[in-house]
């Protein structure tokens, strides 16, 4: 008997489109400004700790409790260890949260445009997506708290705009929303303020962060989160017991031991971001005020897609989103000053000689 294996796929999975991450070139020689990676390496001391961990202990399972990392997080942020959790990137923590709180058919809301992977995460759980449009200035949408959603997802700073909502507004949203508020602070180390301790006053808040961007550890896949102990205990039931490998745990602990290096790189990136923003505006782009390690630049002519393709042909990768409200925009990661200067020079040439 012939059996079609696709017939057993859950309908919500069969209907969904796969998330498409930023392009990873198969060859070298590109200036890579499309995936918000840090242009600076981790401290040498962090790399040395990782190398030293490449020994016979790799035959052993990692610490399922991630105790060393969570102790450091608790000390750094002044919270009890029981309020912390670590994940295989913050994406895994987002998935765990939706599995914990959302049954099929229940609503998850978020403003748009934002991190597009939220769609796949909700669809995988069989949840119903409700989006509320950001206004043109990316201020907090007035109707977000009135969605009645089981879970609200809020990236702050937002991606792809890089804009930051004031913490007081986020706290008010937590007070007004009917469900859980997940504050996704993947880029907050490049910003002026963050909300790690918001859960202390609002127990329906979960705050997520990552070591991929500011800590220069995207390849190690380390995320961490904060919530009241009762919520963390529920999330703990769901996470894969060995979700972070031994090397990732070593890298995370070492990076937290050298947090001043992360902060120094974040300041450097902030200075380059200001220079990039000014240069793009001089070229006629509209650029929203970003507090992330990227900027969103808008221009009607030449079309953004043409600029994206022309830059790629010149070995510079930026991000183009073929979706409403973003088709005339490029999202550009803040690279080194030298990389940014090359990008600006190429854009200047392309605009002058379309």
Protein backbone atom coordinates (compact mmCIF):
# COMPACT_ATOMS: atom_id res chain seq x y z
CA UNK A 1 0.00 0.00 0.00
CA UNK A 2 1.35 3.39 -0.99
CA UNK A 3 1.34 5.95 1.81
CA UNK A 4 1.88 9.66 1.40
CA UNK A 5 3.99 10.68 4.44
CA UNK A 6 2.97 14.33 3.99
CA UNK A 7 -0.58 13.33 4.87
CA UNK A 8 0.55 12.97 8.48
CA UNK A 9 1.97 16.48 8.77
CA UNK A 10 -0.07 18.72 11.07
CA UNK A 11 -2.24 21.05 8.96
CA UNK A 12 -0.89 24.19 10.64
CA UNK A 13 2.64 23.14 9.64
CA UNK A 14 1.65 22.25 6.08
CA UNK A 15 0.08 25.68 5.63
CA UNK A 16 2.91 27.78 7.04
CA UNK A 17 5.84 29.24 5.16
CA UNK A 18 9.34 28.61 6.47
CA UNK A 19 11.28 31.46 8.04
CA UNK A 20 14.07 32.71 5.78
CA UNK A 21 17.07 34.01 7.76
CA UNK A 22 19.56 36.49 6.36
CA UNK A 23 21.76 35.14 3.62
CA UNK A 24 24.96 33.38 4.63
CA UNK A 25 27.35 33.63 1.65
CA UNK A 26 29.03 30.43 0.57
CA UNK A 27 32.28 32.21 -0.25
CA UNK A 28 34.40 34.81 1.48
CA UNK A 29 35.09 38.36 0.49
CA UNK A 30 31.71 39.85 1.45
CA UNK A 31 31.09 42.75 3.76
CA UNK A 32 28.28 41.15 5.72
CA UNK A 33 25.81 43.73 7.00
CA UNK A 34 22.62 41.68 6.75
CA UNK A 35 22.27 39.56 9.90
CA UNK A 36 23.08 41.96 12.76
CA UNK A 37 26.21 40.12 13.81
CA UNK A 38 28.80 41.97 15.87
CA UNK A 39 31.76 43.10 13.74
CA UNK A 40 34.15 42.65 16.67
CA UNK A 41 35.28 39.28 18.06
CA UNK A 42 34.74 38.17 21.66
CA UNK A 43 37.56 38.93 24.10
CA UNK A 44 40.65 36.75 23.78
CA UNK A 45 40.06 35.45 27.31
CA UNK A 46 36.64 34.13 26.28
CA UNK A 47 38.11 32.34 23.26
CA UNK A 48 40.83 30.84 25.44
CA UNK A 49 38.26 29.45 27.88
CA UNK A 50 36.40 27.84 24.98
CA UNK A 51 39.60 26.30 23.60
CA UNK A 52 40.53 24.94 27.02
CA UNK A 53 37.10 23.30 27.27
CA UNK A 54 37.75 21.32 24.08
CA UNK A 55 39.04 18.35 26.01
CA UNK A 56 37.98 14.92 27.16
CA UNK A 57 35.07 16.36 29.11
CA UNK A 58 33.18 16.78 25.84
CA UNK A 59 32.22 13.13 26.22
CA UNK A 60 30.09 14.18 29.23
CA UNK A 61 26.67 15.79 29.16
CA UNK A 62 26.52 19.50 30.00
CA UNK A 63 25.06 20.86 33.23
CA UNK A 64 21.31 20.77 32.62
CA UNK A 65 20.76 23.48 35.24
CA UNK A 66 23.33 25.88 33.69
CA UNK A 67 24.10 26.82 37.27
CA UNK A 68 27.33 28.74 36.66
CA UNK A 69 25.74 30.92 33.99
CA UNK A 70 22.58 31.54 35.98
CA UNK A 71 24.57 32.45 39.10
CA UNK A 72 26.47 35.03 37.09
CA UNK A 73 23.26 36.41 35.61
CA UNK A 74 21.71 36.66 39.07
CA UNK A 75 24.72 38.54 40.42
CA UNK A 76 25.02 40.83 37.41
CA UNK A 77 21.37 41.89 37.41
CA UNK A 78 20.74 41.68 41.15
CA UNK A 79 17.96 39.09 40.98
CA UNK A 80 17.49 35.62 42.55
CA UNK A 81 18.83 32.75 40.47
CA UNK A 82 15.33 31.22 40.54
CA UNK A 83 14.17 34.04 38.27
CA UNK A 84 16.60 33.11 35.46
CA UNK A 85 16.56 30.63 32.59
CA UNK A 86 18.96 30.03 29.70
CA UNK A 87 18.21 28.74 26.23
CA UNK A 88 19.66 27.73 22.91
CA UNK A 89 19.36 31.30 21.73
CA UNK A 90 16.41 33.48 22.71
CA UNK A 91 14.47 31.86 19.85
CA UNK A 92 14.31 28.63 21.86
CA UNK A 93 13.02 30.54 24.86
CA UNK A 94 10.31 32.14 22.71
CA UNK A 95 9.29 28.67 21.56
CA UNK A 96 9.21 27.36 25.15
CA UNK A 97 7.05 30.29 26.25
CA UNK A 98 4.48 29.75 23.52
CA UNK A 99 4.36 26.03 24.28
CA UNK A 100 3.76 26.85 27.94
CA UNK A 101 1.01 29.44 27.48
CA UNK A 102 -0.73 28.96 24.13
CA UNK A 103 -3.12 26.17 23.22
CA UNK A 104 -4.16 25.71 19.57
CA UNK A 105 -6.57 28.44 18.58
CA UNK A 106 -5.54 30.90 21.28
CA UNK A 107 -4.37 34.36 20.28
CA UNK A 108 -0.84 35.74 20.23
CA UNK A 109 -0.50 39.41 19.35
CA UNK A 110 2.39 41.62 18.32
CA UNK A 111 2.91 44.91 16.51
CA UNK A 112 4.06 44.87 12.91
CA UNK A 113 6.44 45.14 11.17
CA UNK A 114 8.65 43.35 13.66
CA UNK A 115 10.75 40.19 13.97
CA UNK A 116 9.13 38.03 11.31
CA UNK A 117 9.99 34.71 13.01
CA UNK A 118 7.19 35.39 15.50
CA UNK A 119 4.78 34.23 12.80
CA UNK A 120 6.36 30.78 12.48
CA UNK A 121 6.63 30.34 16.23
CA UNK A 122 2.92 31.01 16.72
CA UNK A 123 1.86 28.94 13.72
CA UNK A 124 3.91 25.97 14.93
CA UNK A 125 1.93 26.05 18.16
CA UNK A 126 -1.37 26.30 16.24
CA UNK A 127 -2.06 29.72 17.72
CA UNK A 128 -4.00 32.55 16.13
CA UNK A 129 -1.95 35.58 15.13
CA UNK A 130 -3.27 39.07 15.68
CA UNK A 131 -1.10 41.94 14.51
CA UNK A 132 -1.47 45.64 15.21
CA UNK A 133 0.26 48.06 12.85
CA UNK A 134 2.97 50.29 14.17
CA UNK A 135 2.38 53.94 13.32
CA UNK A 136 4.87 55.53 10.96
CA UNK A 137 7.14 56.62 13.80
CA UNK A 138 7.08 53.14 15.40
CA UNK A 139 5.48 54.41 18.60
CA UNK A 140 3.56 51.92 20.72
CA UNK A 141 0.33 51.02 18.85
CA UNK A 142 -2.69 52.21 20.79
CA UNK A 143 -4.68 49.02 20.27
CA UNK A 144 -2.07 46.48 21.34
CA UNK A 145 -3.29 46.20 24.93
CA UNK A 146 -6.88 45.74 23.75
CA UNK A 147 -6.22 42.59 21.71
CA UNK A 148 -7.07 40.34 24.66
CA UNK A 149 -4.25 38.06 23.57
CA UNK A 150 -3.00 35.19 25.67
CA UNK A 151 0.54 36.37 24.93
CA UNK A 152 1.87 39.71 23.65
CA UNK A 153 5.28 39.68 21.95
CA UNK A 154 7.15 42.98 21.97
CA UNK A 155 10.64 43.42 20.55
CA UNK A 156 12.29 46.43 22.16
CA UNK A 157 14.35 47.77 20.46
CA UNK A 158 12.18 46.71 17.58
CA UNK A 159 13.49 44.83 14.58
CA UNK A 160 13.77 45.93 11.82
CA UNK A 161 13.27 49.59 12.79
CA UNK A 162 15.73 49.69 15.69
CA UNK A 163 13.39 52.03 17.54
CA UNK A 164 13.07 51.90 21.34
CA UNK A 165 9.85 52.32 23.32
CA UNK A 166 10.28 54.08 26.69
CA UNK A 167 10.31 51.67 29.61
CA UNK A 168 7.43 53.54 31.25
CA UNK A 169 5.23 52.76 28.24
CA UNK A 170 6.21 49.09 28.35
CA UNK A 171 5.33 48.96 32.06
CA UNK A 172 1.95 50.54 31.33
CA UNK A 173 1.35 47.97 28.60
CA UNK A 174 2.13 45.19 31.08
CA UNK A 175 -0.40 46.69 33.47
CA UNK A 176 -3.13 46.91 30.84
CA UNK A 177 -2.72 43.70 28.85
CA UNK A 178 -4.87 40.69 29.66
CA UNK A 179 -2.18 38.03 29.19
CA UNK A 180 1.57 37.50 29.36
CA UNK A 181 3.89 40.17 27.98
CA UNK A 182 7.12 38.84 26.50
CA UNK A 183 9.66 41.64 26.25
CA UNK A 184 12.20 40.60 23.63
CA UNK A 185 15.33 42.65 24.35
CA UNK A 186 17.70 41.04 21.88
CA UNK A 187 19.29 44.40 21.01
CA UNK A 188 18.96 46.25 24.29
CA UNK A 189 22.69 46.36 25.06
CA UNK A 190 22.99 48.94 22.28
CA UNK A 191 20.19 51.05 23.80
CA UNK A 192 19.81 53.57 26.62
CA UNK A 193 17.58 51.53 28.91
CA UNK A 194 16.25 48.02 29.41
CA UNK A 195 13.55 46.27 31.37
CA UNK A 196 15.20 43.22 32.93
CA UNK A 197 13.64 43.84 36.35
CA UNK A 198 10.19 44.75 35.05
CA UNK A 199 8.92 41.32 36.12
CA UNK A 200 9.46 42.29 39.77
CA UNK A 201 6.56 44.77 39.56
CA UNK A 202 4.59 42.98 36.84
CA UNK A 203 4.50 39.18 37.29
CA UNK A 204 2.94 38.72 33.83
CA UNK A 205 6.20 39.89 32.20
CA UNK A 206 8.96 37.67 30.81
CA UNK A 207 12.13 39.43 29.64
CA UNK A 208 14.43 37.80 27.07
CA UNK A 209 17.96 38.66 26.02
CA UNK A 210 20.68 37.08 23.88
CA UNK A 211 24.44 36.83 23.67
CA UNK A 212 24.34 36.67 19.88
CA UNK A 213 24.57 40.41 19.22
CA UNK A 214 26.36 42.46 21.86
CA UNK A 215 28.48 39.60 23.22
CA UNK A 216 29.71 38.53 19.73
CA UNK A 217 28.60 34.93 20.34
CA UNK A 218 25.98 34.35 17.63
CA UNK A 219 27.64 31.07 16.70
CA UNK A 220 27.28 29.70 20.24
CA UNK A 221 23.48 30.17 20.46
CA UNK A 222 22.98 31.50 24.00
CA UNK A 223 19.82 33.23 25.21
CA UNK A 224 18.63 34.03 28.70
CA UNK A 225 15.44 35.21 30.34
CA UNK A 226 13.93 36.55 33.54
CA UNK A 227 10.52 36.08 35.14
CA UNK A 228 8.99 35.41 38.54
CA UNK A 229 10.08 32.04 39.98
CA UNK A 230 6.63 30.51 39.48
CA UNK A 231 6.83 31.15 35.73
CA UNK A 232 10.44 30.03 35.43
CA UNK A 233 9.49 26.74 37.12
CA UNK A 234 6.86 26.10 34.45
CA UNK A 235 9.24 26.93 31.59
CA UNK A 236 11.81 24.62 33.18
CA UNK A 237 9.43 21.69 32.64
CA UNK A 238 9.44 22.26 28.88
CA UNK A 239 12.98 23.14 27.93
CA UNK A 240 15.19 20.37 26.60
CA UNK A 241 17.16 19.17 29.59
CA UNK A 242 20.54 19.56 27.86
CA UNK A 243 19.59 22.55 25.75
CA UNK A 244 22.98 24.31 25.97
CA UNK A 245 26.08 22.32 25.11
CA UNK A 246 29.24 22.36 27.22
CA UNK A 247 31.08 24.86 25.04
CA UNK A 248 28.15 27.28 24.98
CA UNK A 249 27.95 27.17 28.77
CA UNK A 250 31.68 27.88 29.03
CA UNK A 251 31.39 30.73 26.52
CA UNK A 252 28.43 32.27 28.34
CA UNK A 253 30.12 32.18 31.75
CA UNK A 254 33.35 33.59 30.33
CA UNK A 255 31.53 36.38 28.49
CA UNK A 256 29.72 37.42 31.66
CA UNK A 257 33.08 37.48 33.45
CA UNK A 258 34.28 40.00 30.84
CA UNK A 259 31.18 42.12 30.49
CA UNK A 260 33.19 45.35 30.29
CA UNK A 261 34.52 44.21 26.90
CA UNK A 262 30.96 43.74 25.64
CA UNK A 263 29.98 47.18 26.85
CA UNK A 264 33.01 48.77 25.18
CA UNK A 265 32.14 47.16 21.85
CA UNK A 266 28.52 48.25 22.22
CA UNK A 267 29.67 51.83 22.68
CA UNK A 268 31.89 51.59 19.59
CA UNK A 269 28.97 50.28 17.58
CA UNK A 270 26.77 53.10 18.87
CA UNK A 271 29.30 55.67 17.65
CA UNK A 272 29.50 54.02 14.22
CA UNK A 273 25.69 53.82 14.11
CA UNK A 274 25.47 57.58 14.55
CA UNK A 275 27.96 58.13 11.72
CA UNK A 276 26.11 55.68 9.45
CA UNK A 277 22.77 57.32 10.19
CA UNK A 278 24.11 60.76 9.34
CA UNK A 279 25.76 59.57 6.13
CA UNK A 280 22.60 57.81 4.93
CA UNK A 281 20.49 60.88 5.65
CA UNK A 282 22.97 62.97 3.67
CA UNK A 283 22.36 60.60 0.75
CA UNK A 284 18.62 61.25 0.97
CA UNK A 285 17.51 58.20 2.95
CA UNK A 286 14.97 58.40 5.71
CA UNK A 287 16.51 56.66 8.72
CA UNK A 288 14.60 56.01 11.93
CA UNK A 289 16.45 56.73 15.16
CA UNK A 290 17.89 53.34 16.05
CA UNK A 291 19.03 52.01 19.40
CA UNK A 292 20.07 48.65 17.99
CA UNK A 293 23.14 47.52 16.05
CA UNK A 294 21.42 48.20 12.73
CA UNK A 295 19.47 50.95 11.02
CA UNK A 296 16.39 50.94 8.79
CA UNK A 297 16.91 53.16 5.75
CA UNK A 298 14.06 54.09 3.41
CA UNK A 299 14.29 55.42 -0.14
CA UNK A 300 11.94 55.24 -3.11
CA UNK A 301 14.43 55.78 -5.94
CA UNK A 302 16.40 53.85 -6.87
CA UNK A 303 14.15 51.07 -5.51
CA UNK A 304 15.46 49.36 -2.41
CA UNK A 305 15.50 45.97 -4.11
CA UNK A 306 17.68 47.35 -6.90
CA UNK A 307 20.09 48.83 -4.36
CA UNK A 308 20.15 45.54 -2.44
CA UNK A 309 20.99 43.56 -5.58
CA UNK A 310 23.58 46.09 -6.77
CA UNK A 311 25.30 46.09 -3.39
CA UNK A 312 25.37 42.30 -3.43
CA UNK A 313 27.05 42.37 -6.81
CA UNK A 314 29.67 44.59 -5.21
CA UNK A 315 30.17 42.06 -2.39
CA UNK A 316 28.17 43.91 0.26
CA UNK A 317 25.20 42.18 1.86
CA UNK A 318 22.35 44.13 3.46
CA UNK A 319 18.82 42.93 4.27
CA UNK A 320 15.84 43.50 1.97
CA UNK A 321 12.35 42.48 3.09
CA UNK A 322 9.83 41.83 0.34
CA UNK A 323 6.82 42.65 2.48
CA UNK A 324 4.41 45.57 2.87
CA UNK A 325 5.83 48.75 4.46
CA UNK A 326 9.39 47.48 4.03
CA UNK A 327 9.74 47.11 0.26
CA UNK A 328 11.35 50.56 0.00
CA UNK A 329 13.70 49.90 2.94
CA UNK A 330 17.08 48.36 3.58
CA UNK A 331 18.08 47.11 7.02
CA UNK A 332 21.79 47.66 7.46
CA UNK A 333 23.88 46.15 10.23
CA UNK A 334 26.40 48.49 11.83
CA UNK A 335 29.81 47.17 10.87
CA UNK A 336 33.26 48.55 11.50
CA UNK A 337 33.92 52.17 10.50
CA UNK A 338 35.82 50.86 7.47
CA UNK A 339 32.94 48.62 6.38
CA UNK A 340 30.44 51.44 6.84
CA UNK A 341 32.61 53.84 4.82
CA UNK A 342 32.74 51.34 1.96
CA UNK A 343 28.97 50.83 2.08
CA UNK A 344 28.29 54.58 2.01
CA UNK A 345 30.70 55.08 -0.90
CA UNK A 346 29.03 52.34 -2.93
CA UNK A 347 25.54 53.68 -2.19
CA UNK A 348 26.65 57.16 -3.19
CA UNK A 349 27.89 55.80 -6.50
CA UNK A 350 24.73 53.78 -7.12
CA UNK A 351 22.47 56.77 -6.40
CA UNK A 352 24.51 59.13 -8.56
CA UNK A 353 24.80 56.62 -11.41
CA UNK A 354 21.63 54.47 -11.31
